[in-house]
Amino acid sequence: MNTVFAVTLVFVGCCSNVVFLELLVRDFPGCGNIVTFAQFAFIAFEGFIFEVNFGRKKPAIPLSNYVIMVTMFFTVSVINNCALNFNIAMPLHMIFRSGSLIANMILGIIILKKRYSSAERGGTEEEGMYAFLHWLLGITMLTFALLMSARMGIFQETLYKKYGKHSKEALFYNHCLPLPGFVLLSTSIYNHAVLFSQSSPVEIPIIGQSVPVMWLYLLMNVITQYVCIRGVFILTTECTSLTVTLVVTLRKFLSLIISILYFRNPFTAWHWVGTAVVFLGTLLYTEVWSGIHTPVKGEKPDKKTE
């Protein structure tokens, strides 16, 4: 029951979240830092009140382990959002991050000894080369974040096996401990806060007050991110890291479709080929087809080492 509830939170929260992120990035491509900070601050504030009881509840998992997890989580979150500053389109961003499934499997084999069966722009040549190198740096950042995210999932799995399931506690510490790190990004956060305040006002029907539209988008992004990440952390306590990554990968596919159809983001035939390869690989590596054929044939599935 918890697994079904968590999967529902992931799909509803994350797919809604990508809509508001698109609305933010469309007008301010460099707003990743303020978005990340707002998400972390909101989730940490909620956890401080309802999870750790204003600091009176001691953690079940040693803080030293959370520091390691937080370092990876903060790095992944910041780098993924910063990559949007390097001419990385949202559809490409989502396709690239969907490769985390295979990254997770590779690191799982190495670390946990697991076994699994088998946009065009005009300009001079110099400007074009600069734009390409700028874009390449963004891809490098996503590559690093991809591997770091997979490693973090495996680390979480080992912690939960040793200390038990504490998804809400992990959610709080993963968002509270990194907050001092945003001091390094304070200039970018402040500048975009000013820009957000200067955006066109929109009236909120329920309270009858007008607020800058970008702040409204940010608020909705933060709320939907909380719903999404809450579902992910519940899943990490109920399933293996590979299963969690599979669910998140499928969610990214749905987000990709929303990004293309609703926001009319450019998507060439080669993009579709890349998407097909990523998700065909997902099906093959997780043996979805075998899982479908086995019940039909009335055979008992072979047990695998998790």
C-alpha atoms as a PDB file:
ATOM      1  CA  MET A   1       0.000   0.000   0.000  1.00  0.00           C
ATOM      2  CA  ASN A   2       2.838   2.382   0.875  1.00  0.00           C
ATOM      3  CA  THR A   3       4.489   1.593  -2.461  1.00  0.00           C
ATOM      4  CA  VAL A   4       1.349   2.427  -4.472  1.00  0.00           C
ATOM      5  CA  PHE A   5       0.894   5.642  -2.491  1.00  0.00           C
ATOM      6  CA  ALA A   6       4.536   6.603  -3.048  1.00  0.00           C
ATOM      7  CA  VAL A   7       4.380   5.928  -6.806  1.00  0.00           C
ATOM      8  CA  THR A   8       1.225   8.083  -7.012  1.00  0.00           C
ATOM      9  CA  LEU A   9       3.002  10.934  -5.213  1.00  0.00           C
ATOM     10  CA  VAL A  10       5.974  10.651  -7.564  1.00  0.00           C
ATOM     11  CA  PHE A  11       3.936  10.794 -10.771  1.00  0.00           C
ATOM     12  CA  VAL A  12       1.450  13.455  -9.666  1.00  0.00           C
ATOM     13  CA  GLY A  13       3.999  15.655  -7.897  1.00  0.00           C
ATOM     14  CA  CYS A  14       6.852  15.414 -10.382  1.00  0.00           C
ATOM     15  CA  CYS A  15       4.754  15.808 -13.527  1.00  0.00           C
ATOM     16  CA  SER A  16       3.077  18.898 -12.048  1.00  0.00           C
ATOM     17  CA  ASN A  17       6.463  20.172 -10.921  1.00  0.00           C
ATOM     18  CA  VAL A  18       7.937  20.068 -14.410  1.00  0.00           C
ATOM     19  CA  VAL A  19       5.128  22.324 -15.685  1.00  0.00           C
ATOM     20  CA  PHE A  20       5.972  25.084 -13.212  1.00  0.00           C
ATOM     21  CA  LEU A  21       9.701  24.601 -13.739  1.00  0.00           C
ATOM     22  CA  GLU A  22       9.179  25.107 -17.469  1.00  0.00           C
ATOM     23  CA  LEU A  23       7.257  28.315 -16.766  1.00  0.00           C
ATOM     24  CA  LEU A  24      10.112  29.589 -14.583  1.00  0.00           C
ATOM     25  CA  VAL A  25      12.956  28.577 -16.889  1.00  0.00           C
ATOM     26  CA  ARG A  26      11.219  29.907 -20.008  1.00  0.00           C
ATOM     27  CA  ASP A  27      11.537  33.510 -18.767  1.00  0.00           C
ATOM     28  CA  PHE A  28      14.600  33.167 -16.511  1.00  0.00           C
ATOM     29  CA  PRO A  29      16.877  30.305 -17.664  1.00  0.00           C
ATOM     30  CA  GLY A  30      19.380  31.016 -14.860  1.00  0.00           C
ATOM     31  CA  CYS A  31      16.893  30.731 -11.990  1.00  0.00           C
ATOM     32  CA  GLY A  32      17.984  27.229 -10.953  1.00  0.00           C
ATOM     33  CA  ASN A  33      19.660  28.356  -7.728  1.00  0.00           C
ATOM     34  CA  ILE A  34      16.674  30.219  -6.320  1.00  0.00           C
ATOM     35  CA  VAL A  35      14.391  27.314  -7.261  1.00  0.00           C
ATOM     36  CA  THR A  36      16.650  24.805  -5.488  1.00  0.00           C
ATOM     37  CA  PHE A  37      16.978  27.035  -2.412  1.00  0.00           C
ATOM     38  CA  ALA A  38      13.215  27.543  -2.132  1.00  0.00           C
ATOM     39  CA  GLN A  39      12.599  23.800  -2.390  1.00  0.00           C
ATOM     40  CA  PHE A  40      15.189  22.951   0.248  1.00  0.00           C
ATOM     41  CA  ALA A  41      14.041  25.703   2.644  1.00  0.00           C
ATOM     42  CA  PHE A  42      10.370  24.689   2.439  1.00  0.00           C
ATOM     43  CA  ILE A  43      10.991  20.968   2.969  1.00  0.00           C
ATOM     44  CA  ALA A  44      13.459  21.649   5.810  1.00  0.00           C
ATOM     45  CA  PHE A  45      10.970  23.986   7.538  1.00  0.00           C
ATOM     46  CA  GLU A  46       8.161  21.431   7.291  1.00  0.00           C
ATOM     47  CA  GLY A  47      10.413  18.640   8.605  1.00  0.00           C
ATOM     48  CA  PHE A  48      11.732  20.777  11.467  1.00  0.00           C
ATOM     49  CA  ILE A  49       8.175  21.184  12.770  1.00  0.00           C
ATOM     50  CA  PHE A  50       6.540  17.844  12.013  1.00  0.00           C
ATOM     51  CA  GLU A  51       9.439  15.353  11.893  1.00  0.00           C
ATOM     52  CA  VAL A  52      12.140  16.376  14.417  1.00  0.00           C
ATOM     53  CA  ASN A  53       9.724  18.282  16.692  1.00  0.00           C
ATOM     54  CA  PHE A  54      11.686  21.559  16.680  1.00  0.00           C
ATOM     55  CA  GLY A  55      14.973  19.691  17.160  1.00  0.00           C
ATOM     56  CA  ARG A  56      13.889  17.649  20.177  1.00  0.00           C
ATOM     57  CA  LYS A  57      13.804  14.288  18.347  1.00  0.00           C
ATOM     58  CA  LYS A  58      17.156  12.555  17.875  1.00  0.00           C
ATOM     59  CA  PRO A  59      17.902  10.963  14.479  1.00  0.00           C
ATOM     60  CA  ALA A  60      17.673   7.179  14.162  1.00  0.00           C
ATOM     61  CA  ILE A  61      20.508   7.196  11.598  1.00  0.00           C
ATOM     62  CA  PRO A  62      23.831   8.766  12.726  1.00  0.00           C
ATOM     63  CA  LEU A  63      24.345  12.324  11.470  1.00  0.00           C
ATOM     64  CA  SER A  64      27.726  11.376  10.003  1.00  0.00           C
ATOM     65  CA  ASN A  65      25.924   9.178   7.463  1.00  0.00           C
ATOM     66  CA  TYR A  66      23.505  11.974   6.642  1.00  0.00           C
ATOM     67  CA  VAL A  67      26.413  14.332   6.012  1.00  0.00           C
ATOM     68  CA  ILE A  68      27.703  11.959   3.322  1.00  0.00           C
ATOM     69  CA  MET A  69      24.239  11.562   1.797  1.00  0.00           C
ATOM     70  CA  VAL A  70      23.563  15.297   1.963  1.00  0.00           C
ATOM     71  CA  THR A  71      26.820  16.145   0.205  1.00  0.00           C
ATOM     72  CA  MET A  72      25.800  13.946  -2.714  1.00  0.00           C
ATOM     73  CA  PHE A  73      22.163  15.094  -2.714  1.00  0.00           C
ATOM     74  CA  PHE A  74      23.038  18.811  -2.582  1.00  0.00           C
ATOM     75  CA  THR A  75      25.622  18.426  -5.322  1.00  0.00           C
ATOM     76  CA  VAL A  76      23.212  16.580  -7.619  1.00  0.00           C
ATOM     77  CA  SER A  77      20.383  19.093  -7.072  1.00  0.00           C
ATOM     78  CA  VAL A  78      22.515  22.186  -7.635  1.00  0.00           C
ATOM     79  CA  ILE A  79      24.391  20.810 -10.661  1.00  0.00           C
ATOM     80  CA  ASN A  80      21.217  19.587 -12.363  1.00  0.00           C
ATOM     81  CA  ASN A  81      19.606  23.016 -12.017  1.00  0.00           C
ATOM     82  CA  CYS A  82      22.783  24.903 -12.928  1.00  0.00           C
ATOM     83  CA  ALA A  83      23.093  22.829 -16.111  1.00  0.00           C
ATOM     84  CA  LEU A  84      20.051  24.700 -17.441  1.00  0.00           C
ATOM     85  CA  ASN A  85      22.294  27.785 -17.693  1.00  0.00           C
ATOM     86  CA  PHE A  86      24.381  26.082 -20.393  1.00  0.00           C
ATOM     87  CA  ASN A  87      21.924  25.959 -23.299  1.00  0.00           C
ATOM     88  CA  ILE A  88      20.499  22.609 -22.179  1.00  0.00           C
ATOM     89  CA  ALA A  89      16.896  22.335 -23.405  1.00  0.00           C
ATOM     90  CA  MET A  90      14.379  20.853 -20.976  1.00  0.00           C
ATOM     91  CA  PRO A  91      13.596  17.790 -23.158  1.00  0.00           C
ATOM     92  CA  LEU A  92      17.310  16.982 -23.506  1.00  0.00           C
ATOM     93  CA  HIS A  93      17.740  17.594 -19.774  1.00  0.00           C
ATOM     94  CA  MET A  94      15.066  14.990 -18.982  1.00  0.00           C
ATOM     95  CA  ILE A  95      16.314  12.422 -21.518  1.00  0.00           C
ATOM     96  CA  PHE A  96      19.864  12.683 -20.221  1.00  0.00           C
ATOM     97  CA  ARG A  97      18.831  12.270 -16.583  1.00  0.00           C
ATOM     98  CA  SER A  98      16.777   9.225 -17.544  1.00  0.00           C
ATOM     99  CA  GLY A  99      20.065   7.395 -18.051  1.00  0.00           C
ATOM    100  CA  SER A 100      20.295   7.112 -14.249  1.00  0.00           C
ATOM    101  CA  LEU A 101      18.728   3.646 -14.441  1.00  0.00           C
ATOM    102  CA  ILE A 102      21.707   2.136 -16.214  1.00  0.00           C
ATOM    103  CA  ALA A 103      24.140   4.178 -14.114  1.00  0.00           C
ATOM    104  CA  ASN A 104      22.461   2.752 -11.012  1.00  0.00           C
ATOM    105  CA  MET A 105      22.792  -0.820 -12.299  1.00  0.00           C
ATOM    106  CA  ILE A 106      26.467  -0.408 -13.168  1.00  0.00           C
ATOM    107  CA  LEU A 107      27.324   1.035  -9.754  1.00  0.00           C
ATOM    108  CA  GLY A 108      25.138  -1.589  -8.070  1.00  0.00           C
ATOM    109  CA  ILE A 109      27.185  -4.353  -9.715  1.00  0.00           C
ATOM    110  CA  ILE A 110      30.478  -2.705  -8.760  1.00  0.00           C
ATOM    111  CA  ILE A 111      29.649  -1.611  -5.193  1.00  0.00           C
ATOM    112  CA  LEU A 112      26.933  -3.958  -3.927  1.00  0.00           C
ATOM    113  CA  LYS A 113      28.090  -6.963  -6.001  1.00  0.00           C
ATOM    114  CA  LYS A 114      24.567  -7.315  -7.389  1.00  0.00           C
ATOM    115  CA  ARG A 115      23.679  -9.499 -10.348  1.00  0.00           C
ATOM    116  CA  TYR A 116      21.069  -8.703 -12.993  1.00  0.00           C
ATOM    117  CA  SER A 117      20.035 -10.773 -15.963  1.00  0.00           C
ATOM    118  CA  SER A 118      20.193 -10.007 -18.851  1.00  0.00           C
ATOM    119  CA  ALA A 119      18.217  24.026 -31.244  1.00  0.00           C
ATOM    120  CA  GLU A 120      19.862  25.785 -33.981  1.00  0.00           C
ATOM    121  CA  ARG A 121      21.103  29.418 -33.660  1.00  0.00           C
ATOM    122  CA  GLY A 122      22.664  31.782 -36.146  1.00  0.00           C
ATOM    123  CA  GLY A 123      26.065  33.420 -35.633  1.00  0.00           C
ATOM    124  CA  THR A 124      29.691  33.341 -36.624  1.00  0.00           C
ATOM    125  CA  GLU A 125      31.788  30.192 -36.532  1.00  0.00           C
ATOM    126  CA  GLU A 126      33.558  31.483 -33.420  1.00  0.00           C
ATOM    127  CA  GLU A 127      30.245  32.127 -31.673  1.00  0.00           C
ATOM    128  CA  GLY A 128      29.048  28.690 -32.734  1.00  0.00           C
ATOM    129  CA  MET A 129      32.125  27.049 -31.238  1.00  0.00           C
ATOM    130  CA  TYR A 130      31.683  28.986 -27.999  1.00  0.00           C
ATOM    131  CA  ALA A 131      28.021  27.964 -27.811  1.00  0.00           C
ATOM    132  CA  PHE A 132      28.987  24.329 -28.425  1.00  0.00           C
ATOM    133  CA  LEU A 133      31.642  24.359 -25.686  1.00  0.00           C
ATOM    134  CA  HIS A 134      29.168  26.076 -23.365  1.00  0.00           C
ATOM    135  CA  TRP A 135      26.626  23.346 -24.102  1.00  0.00           C
ATOM    136  CA  LEU A 136      29.280  20.628 -23.697  1.00  0.00           C
ATOM    137  CA  LEU A 137      30.070  21.925 -20.212  1.00  0.00           C
ATOM    138  CA  GLY A 138      26.398  21.548 -19.340  1.00  0.00           C
ATOM    139  CA  ILE A 139      26.441  17.947 -20.596  1.00  0.00           C
ATOM    140  CA  THR A 140      29.539  17.259 -18.475  1.00  0.00           C
ATOM    141  CA  MET A 141      27.744  18.615 -15.421  1.00  0.00           C
ATOM    142  CA  LEU A 142      24.755  16.364 -16.095  1.00  0.00           C
ATOM    143  CA  THR A 143      27.060  13.360 -16.505  1.00  0.00           C
ATOM    144  CA  PHE A 144      28.642  13.976 -13.124  1.00  0.00           C
ATOM    145  CA  ALA A 145      25.243  14.507 -11.478  1.00  0.00           C
ATOM    146  CA  LEU A 146      23.944  11.321 -13.133  1.00  0.00           C
ATOM    147  CA  LEU A 147      26.648   9.126 -11.590  1.00  0.00           C
ATOM    148  CA  MET A 148      26.476  10.920  -8.236  1.00  0.00           C
ATOM    149  CA  SER A 149      22.712  10.374  -8.102  1.00  0.00           C
ATOM    150  CA  ALA A 150      23.114   6.647  -8.767  1.00  0.00           C
ATOM    151  CA  ARG A 151      25.759   6.365  -6.052  1.00  0.00           C
ATOM    152  CA  MET A 152      23.505   8.194  -3.605  1.00  0.00           C
ATOM    153  CA  GLY A 153      20.651   5.758  -4.252  1.00  0.00           C
ATOM    154  CA  ILE A 154      22.887   2.798  -3.438  1.00  0.00           C
ATOM    155  CA  PHE A 155      24.172   4.527  -0.303  1.00  0.00           C
ATOM    156  CA  GLN A 156      20.590   5.120   0.866  1.00  0.00           C
ATOM    157  CA  GLU A 157      19.738   1.465   0.276  1.00  0.00           C
ATOM    158  CA  THR A 158      22.633   0.277   2.447  1.00  0.00           C
ATOM    159  CA  LEU A 159      21.696   2.722   5.231  1.00  0.00           C
ATOM    160  CA  TYR A 160      18.071   1.579   5.338  1.00  0.00           C
ATOM    161  CA  LYS A 161      19.138  -2.059   5.487  1.00  0.00           C
ATOM    162  CA  LYS A 162      21.362  -1.296   8.477  1.00  0.00           C
ATOM    163  CA  TYR A 163      19.265   1.202  10.457  1.00  0.00           C
ATOM    164  CA  GLY A 164      15.701   0.571   9.259  1.00  0.00           C
ATOM    165  CA  LYS A 165      13.197   2.668   7.296  1.00  0.00           C
ATOM    166  CA  HIS A 166      13.185   6.384   8.136  1.00  0.00           C
ATOM    167  CA  SER A 167      12.033   8.164   4.984  1.00  0.00           C
ATOM    168  CA  LYS A 168      10.701  11.364   6.612  1.00  0.00           C
ATOM    169  CA  GLU A 169      13.815  11.733   8.738  1.00  0.00           C
ATOM    170  CA  ALA A 170      16.047  11.291   5.695  1.00  0.00           C
ATOM    171  CA  LEU A 171      13.927  13.789   3.770  1.00  0.00           C
ATOM    172  CA  PHE A 172      14.408  16.404   6.505  1.00  0.00           C
ATOM    173  CA  TYR A 173      18.158  16.019   6.971  1.00  0.00           C
ATOM    174  CA  ASN A 174      18.796  15.870   3.227  1.00  0.00           C
ATOM    175  CA  HIS A 175      17.199  19.302   2.888  1.00  0.00           C
ATOM    176  CA  CYS A 176      18.160  20.939   6.191  1.00  0.00           C
ATOM    177  CA  LEU A 177      21.889  20.226   6.401  1.00  0.00           C
ATOM    178  CA  PRO A 178      22.749  21.696   2.961  1.00  0.00           C
ATOM    179  CA  LEU A 179      21.086  25.082   3.647  1.00  0.00           C
ATOM    180  CA  PRO A 180      24.341  26.840   4.723  1.00  0.00           C
ATOM    181  CA  GLY A 181      25.809  25.884   1.349  1.00  0.00           C
ATOM    182  CA  PHE A 182      23.424  28.274  -0.387  1.00  0.00           C
ATOM    183  CA  VAL A 183      25.454  31.172   1.021  1.00  0.00           C
ATOM    184  CA  LEU A 184      27.846  30.490  -1.858  1.00  0.00           C
ATOM    185  CA  LEU A 185      24.950  31.041  -4.265  1.00  0.00           C
ATOM    186  CA  SER A 186      23.441  34.040  -2.451  1.00  0.00           C
ATOM    187  CA  THR A 187      24.229  36.574  -5.187  1.00  0.00           C
ATOM    188  CA  SER A 188      22.398  34.576  -7.846  1.00  0.00           C
ATOM    189  CA  ILE A 189      19.493  33.901  -5.473  1.00  0.00           C
ATOM    190  CA  TYR A 190      19.142  37.607  -4.587  1.00  0.00           C
ATOM    191  CA  ASN A 191      19.363  38.785  -8.194  1.00  0.00           C
ATOM    192  CA  HIS A 192      16.626  36.415  -9.319  1.00  0.00           C
ATOM    193  CA  ALA A 193      14.478  37.327  -6.319  1.00  0.00           C
ATOM    194  CA  VAL A 194      14.603  40.928  -7.561  1.00  0.00           C
ATOM    195  CA  LEU A 195      13.765  39.835 -11.106  1.00  0.00           C
ATOM    196  CA  PHE A 196      10.861  37.711  -9.856  1.00  0.00           C
ATOM    197  CA  SER A 197       9.471  40.681  -7.926  1.00  0.00           C
ATOM    198  CA  GLN A 198       9.515  42.746 -11.116  1.00  0.00           C
ATOM    199  CA  SER A 199       7.482  40.202 -13.096  1.00  0.00           C
ATOM    200  CA  SER A 200       3.916  40.983 -14.140  1.00  0.00           C
ATOM    201  CA  PRO A 201       1.323  40.704 -11.322  1.00  0.00           C
ATOM    202  CA  VAL A 202      -1.438  38.130 -11.281  1.00  0.00           C
ATOM    203  CA  GLU A 203      -4.458  38.070  -8.986  1.00  0.00           C
ATOM    204  CA  ILE A 204      -5.068  35.047  -6.768  1.00  0.00           C
ATOM    205  CA  PRO A 205      -8.862  34.426  -6.788  1.00  0.00           C
ATOM    206  CA  ILE A 206      -9.210  32.988  -3.274  1.00  0.00           C
ATOM    207  CA  ILE A 207      -7.514  35.822  -1.384  1.00  0.00           C
ATOM    208  CA  GLY A 208      -8.096  38.564  -3.941  1.00  0.00           C
ATOM    209  CA  GLN A 209      -4.476  39.745  -3.808  1.00  0.00           C
ATOM    210  CA  SER A 210      -2.072  40.341  -6.668  1.00  0.00           C
ATOM    211  CA  VAL A 211       1.408  38.835  -6.581  1.00  0.00           C
ATOM    212  CA  PRO A 212       4.220  38.733  -9.162  1.00  0.00           C
ATOM    213  CA  VAL A 213       3.510  35.774 -11.405  1.00  0.00           C
ATOM    214  CA  MET A 214       7.024  34.311 -11.064  1.00  0.00           C
ATOM    215  CA  TRP A 215       6.641  34.061  -7.276  1.00  0.00           C
ATOM    216  CA  LEU A 216       3.368  32.200  -7.793  1.00  0.00           C
ATOM    217  CA  TYR A 217       5.065  29.793 -10.203  1.00  0.00           C
ATOM    218  CA  LEU A 218       7.881  29.301  -7.675  1.00  0.00           C
ATOM    219  CA  LEU A 219       5.426  28.567  -4.862  1.00  0.00           C
ATOM    220  CA  MET A 220       3.627  25.947  -6.939  1.00  0.00           C
ATOM    221  CA  ASN A 221       6.968  24.465  -8.008  1.00  0.00           C
ATOM    222  CA  VAL A 222       8.029  24.129  -4.370  1.00  0.00           C
ATOM    223  CA  ILE A 223       4.764  22.476  -3.283  1.00  0.00           C
ATOM    224  CA  THR A 224       4.761  19.980  -6.144  1.00  0.00           C
ATOM    225  CA  GLN A 225       8.458  19.251  -5.555  1.00  0.00           C
ATOM    226  CA  TYR A 226       7.652  18.414  -1.934  1.00  0.00           C
ATOM    227  CA  VAL A 227       4.960  15.973  -3.048  1.00  0.00           C
ATOM    228  CA  CYS A 228       7.355  14.412  -5.571  1.00  0.00           C
ATOM    229  CA  ILE A 229      10.397  14.079  -3.317  1.00  0.00           C
ATOM    230  CA  ARG A 230       8.254  12.766  -0.452  1.00  0.00           C
ATOM    231  CA  GLY A 231       7.118   9.950  -2.733  1.00  0.00           C
ATOM    232  CA  VAL A 232      10.696   9.212  -3.820  1.00  0.00           C
ATOM    233  CA  PHE A 233      11.948   8.972  -0.226  1.00  0.00           C
ATOM    234  CA  ILE A 234       9.080   6.648   0.724  1.00  0.00           C
ATOM    235  CA  LEU A 235       9.982   4.462  -2.248  1.00  0.00           C
ATOM    236  CA  THR A 236      13.618   4.265  -1.114  1.00  0.00           C
ATOM    237  CA  THR A 237      12.450   2.602   2.116  1.00  0.00           C
ATOM    238  CA  GLU A 238      10.059   0.197   0.375  1.00  0.00           C
ATOM    239  CA  CYS A 239      12.032  -0.854  -2.736  1.00  0.00           C
ATOM    240  CA  THR A 240      15.576  -1.378  -3.959  1.00  0.00           C
ATOM    241  CA  SER A 241      17.456   1.543  -5.485  1.00  0.00           C
ATOM    242  CA  LEU A 242      17.038   0.000  -8.960  1.00  0.00           C
ATOM    243  CA  THR A 243      13.254  -0.140  -8.602  1.00  0.00           C
ATOM    244  CA  VAL A 244      13.176   3.458  -7.419  1.00  0.00           C
ATOM    245  CA  THR A 245      15.263   4.519 -10.400  1.00  0.00           C
ATOM    246  CA  LEU A 246      12.941   2.651 -12.769  1.00  0.00           C
ATOM    247  CA  VAL A 247       9.877   4.466 -11.383  1.00  0.00           C
ATOM    248  CA  VAL A 248      11.628   7.830 -11.627  1.00  0.00           C
ATOM    249  CA  THR A 249      12.770   7.064 -15.180  1.00  0.00           C
ATOM    250  CA  LEU A 250       9.229   6.277 -16.294  1.00  0.00           C
ATOM    251  CA  ARG A 251       8.027   9.461 -14.613  1.00  0.00           C
ATOM    252  CA  LYS A 252      10.618  11.420 -16.583  1.00  0.00           C
ATOM    253  CA  PHE A 253       9.238   9.935 -19.789  1.00  0.00           C
ATOM    254  CA  LEU A 254       5.783  11.310 -18.968  1.00  0.00           C
ATOM    255  CA  SER A 255       7.322  14.676 -18.053  1.00  0.00           C
ATOM    256  CA  LEU A 256       9.117  14.644 -21.396  1.00  0.00           C
ATOM    257  CA  ILE A 257       5.834  14.171 -23.265  1.00  0.00           C
ATOM    258  CA  ILE A 258       4.292  17.071 -21.313  1.00  0.00           C
ATOM    259  CA  SER A 259       7.293  19.264 -22.105  1.00  0.00           C
ATOM    260  CA  ILE A 260       7.066  18.540 -25.834  1.00  0.00           C
ATOM    261  CA  LEU A 261       3.299  18.665 -26.352  1.00  0.00           C
ATOM    262  CA  TYR A 262       2.224  21.356 -23.867  1.00  0.00           C
ATOM    263  CA  PHE A 263       5.181  23.738 -24.128  1.00  0.00           C
ATOM    264  CA  ARG A 264       5.957  23.059 -27.809  1.00  0.00           C
ATOM    265  CA  ASN A 265       9.641  22.517 -27.106  1.00  0.00           C
ATOM    266  CA  PRO A 266      11.642  21.676 -30.240  1.00  0.00           C
ATOM    267  CA  PHE A 267      12.122  17.954 -30.648  1.00  0.00           C
ATOM    268  CA  THR A 268      13.784  16.530 -33.753  1.00  0.00           C
ATOM    269  CA  ALA A 269      13.714  13.017 -35.160  1.00  0.00           C
ATOM    270  CA  TRP A 270      17.125  12.365 -33.585  1.00  0.00           C
ATOM    271  CA  HIS A 271      15.736  13.350 -30.196  1.00  0.00           C
ATOM    272  CA  TRP A 272      12.984  10.760 -30.658  1.00  0.00           C
ATOM    273  CA  VAL A 273      15.582   8.143 -31.574  1.00  0.00           C
ATOM    274  CA  GLY A 274      17.543   8.940 -28.411  1.00  0.00           C
ATOM    275  CA  THR A 275      14.368   8.757 -26.320  1.00  0.00           C
ATOM    276  CA  ALA A 276      13.444   5.383 -27.804  1.00  0.00           C
ATOM    277  CA  VAL A 277      16.924   3.996 -27.092  1.00  0.00           C
ATOM    278  CA  VAL A 278      16.844   5.153 -23.448  1.00  0.00           C
ATOM    279  CA  PHE A 279      13.460   3.657 -22.682  1.00  0.00           C
ATOM    280  CA  LEU A 280      13.980   0.502 -24.746  1.00  0.00           C
ATOM    281  CA  GLY A 281      17.106  -0.007 -22.673  1.00  0.00           C
ATOM    282  CA  THR A 282      14.997   0.460 -19.546  1.00  0.00           C
ATOM    283  CA  LEU A 283      12.637  -2.317 -20.627  1.00  0.00           C
ATOM    284  CA  LEU A 284      15.473  -4.672 -21.545  1.00  0.00           C
ATOM    285  CA  TYR A 285      17.523  -4.144 -18.409  1.00  0.00           C
ATOM    286  CA  THR A 286      14.551  -4.580 -16.077  1.00  0.00           C
ATOM    287  CA  GLU A 287      13.235  -7.548 -18.051  1.00  0.00           C
ATOM    288  CA  VAL A 288       9.736  -6.126 -18.341  1.00  0.00           C
ATOM    289  CA  TRP A 289       8.988  -8.384 -21.286  1.00  0.00           C
ATOM    290  CA  SER A 290      10.019 -11.467 -19.314  1.00  0.00           C
ATOM    291  CA  GLY A 291       7.804 -10.340 -16.462  1.00  0.00           C
ATOM    292  CA  ILE A 292       4.860 -10.087 -18.865  1.00  0.00           C
ATOM    293  CA  HIS A 293       5.446 -13.383 -20.646  1.00  0.00           C
ATOM    294  CA  THR A 294       6.068 -15.451 -17.504  1.00  0.00           C
ATOM    295  CA  PRO A 295       2.540 -15.125 -16.028  1.00  0.00           C
ATOM    296  CA  VAL A 296       1.011 -15.716 -19.463  1.00  0.00           C
ATOM    297  CA  LYS A 297       2.915 -18.986 -19.858  1.00  0.00           C
ATOM    298  CA  GLY A 298       2.140 -19.986 -16.277  1.00  0.00           C
ATOM    299  CA  GLU A 299       5.819 -20.241 -15.352  1.00  0.00           C
ATOM    300  CA  LYS A 300       7.298 -19.253 -12.021  1.00  0.00           C
ATOM    301  CA  PRO A 301       9.774 -16.393 -12.287  1.00  0.00           C
ATOM    302  CA  ASP A 302      13.347 -17.117 -11.322  1.00  0.00           C
ATOM    303  CA  LYS A 303      14.525 -15.424  -8.142  1.00  0.00           C
ATOM    304  CA  LYS A 304      17.222 -12.851  -8.599  1.00  0.00           C
ATOM    305  CA  THR A 305      19.787 -11.550  -6.240  1.00  0.00           C
ATOM    306  CA  GLU A 306      18.823  -8.006  -5.275  1.00  0.00           C
END
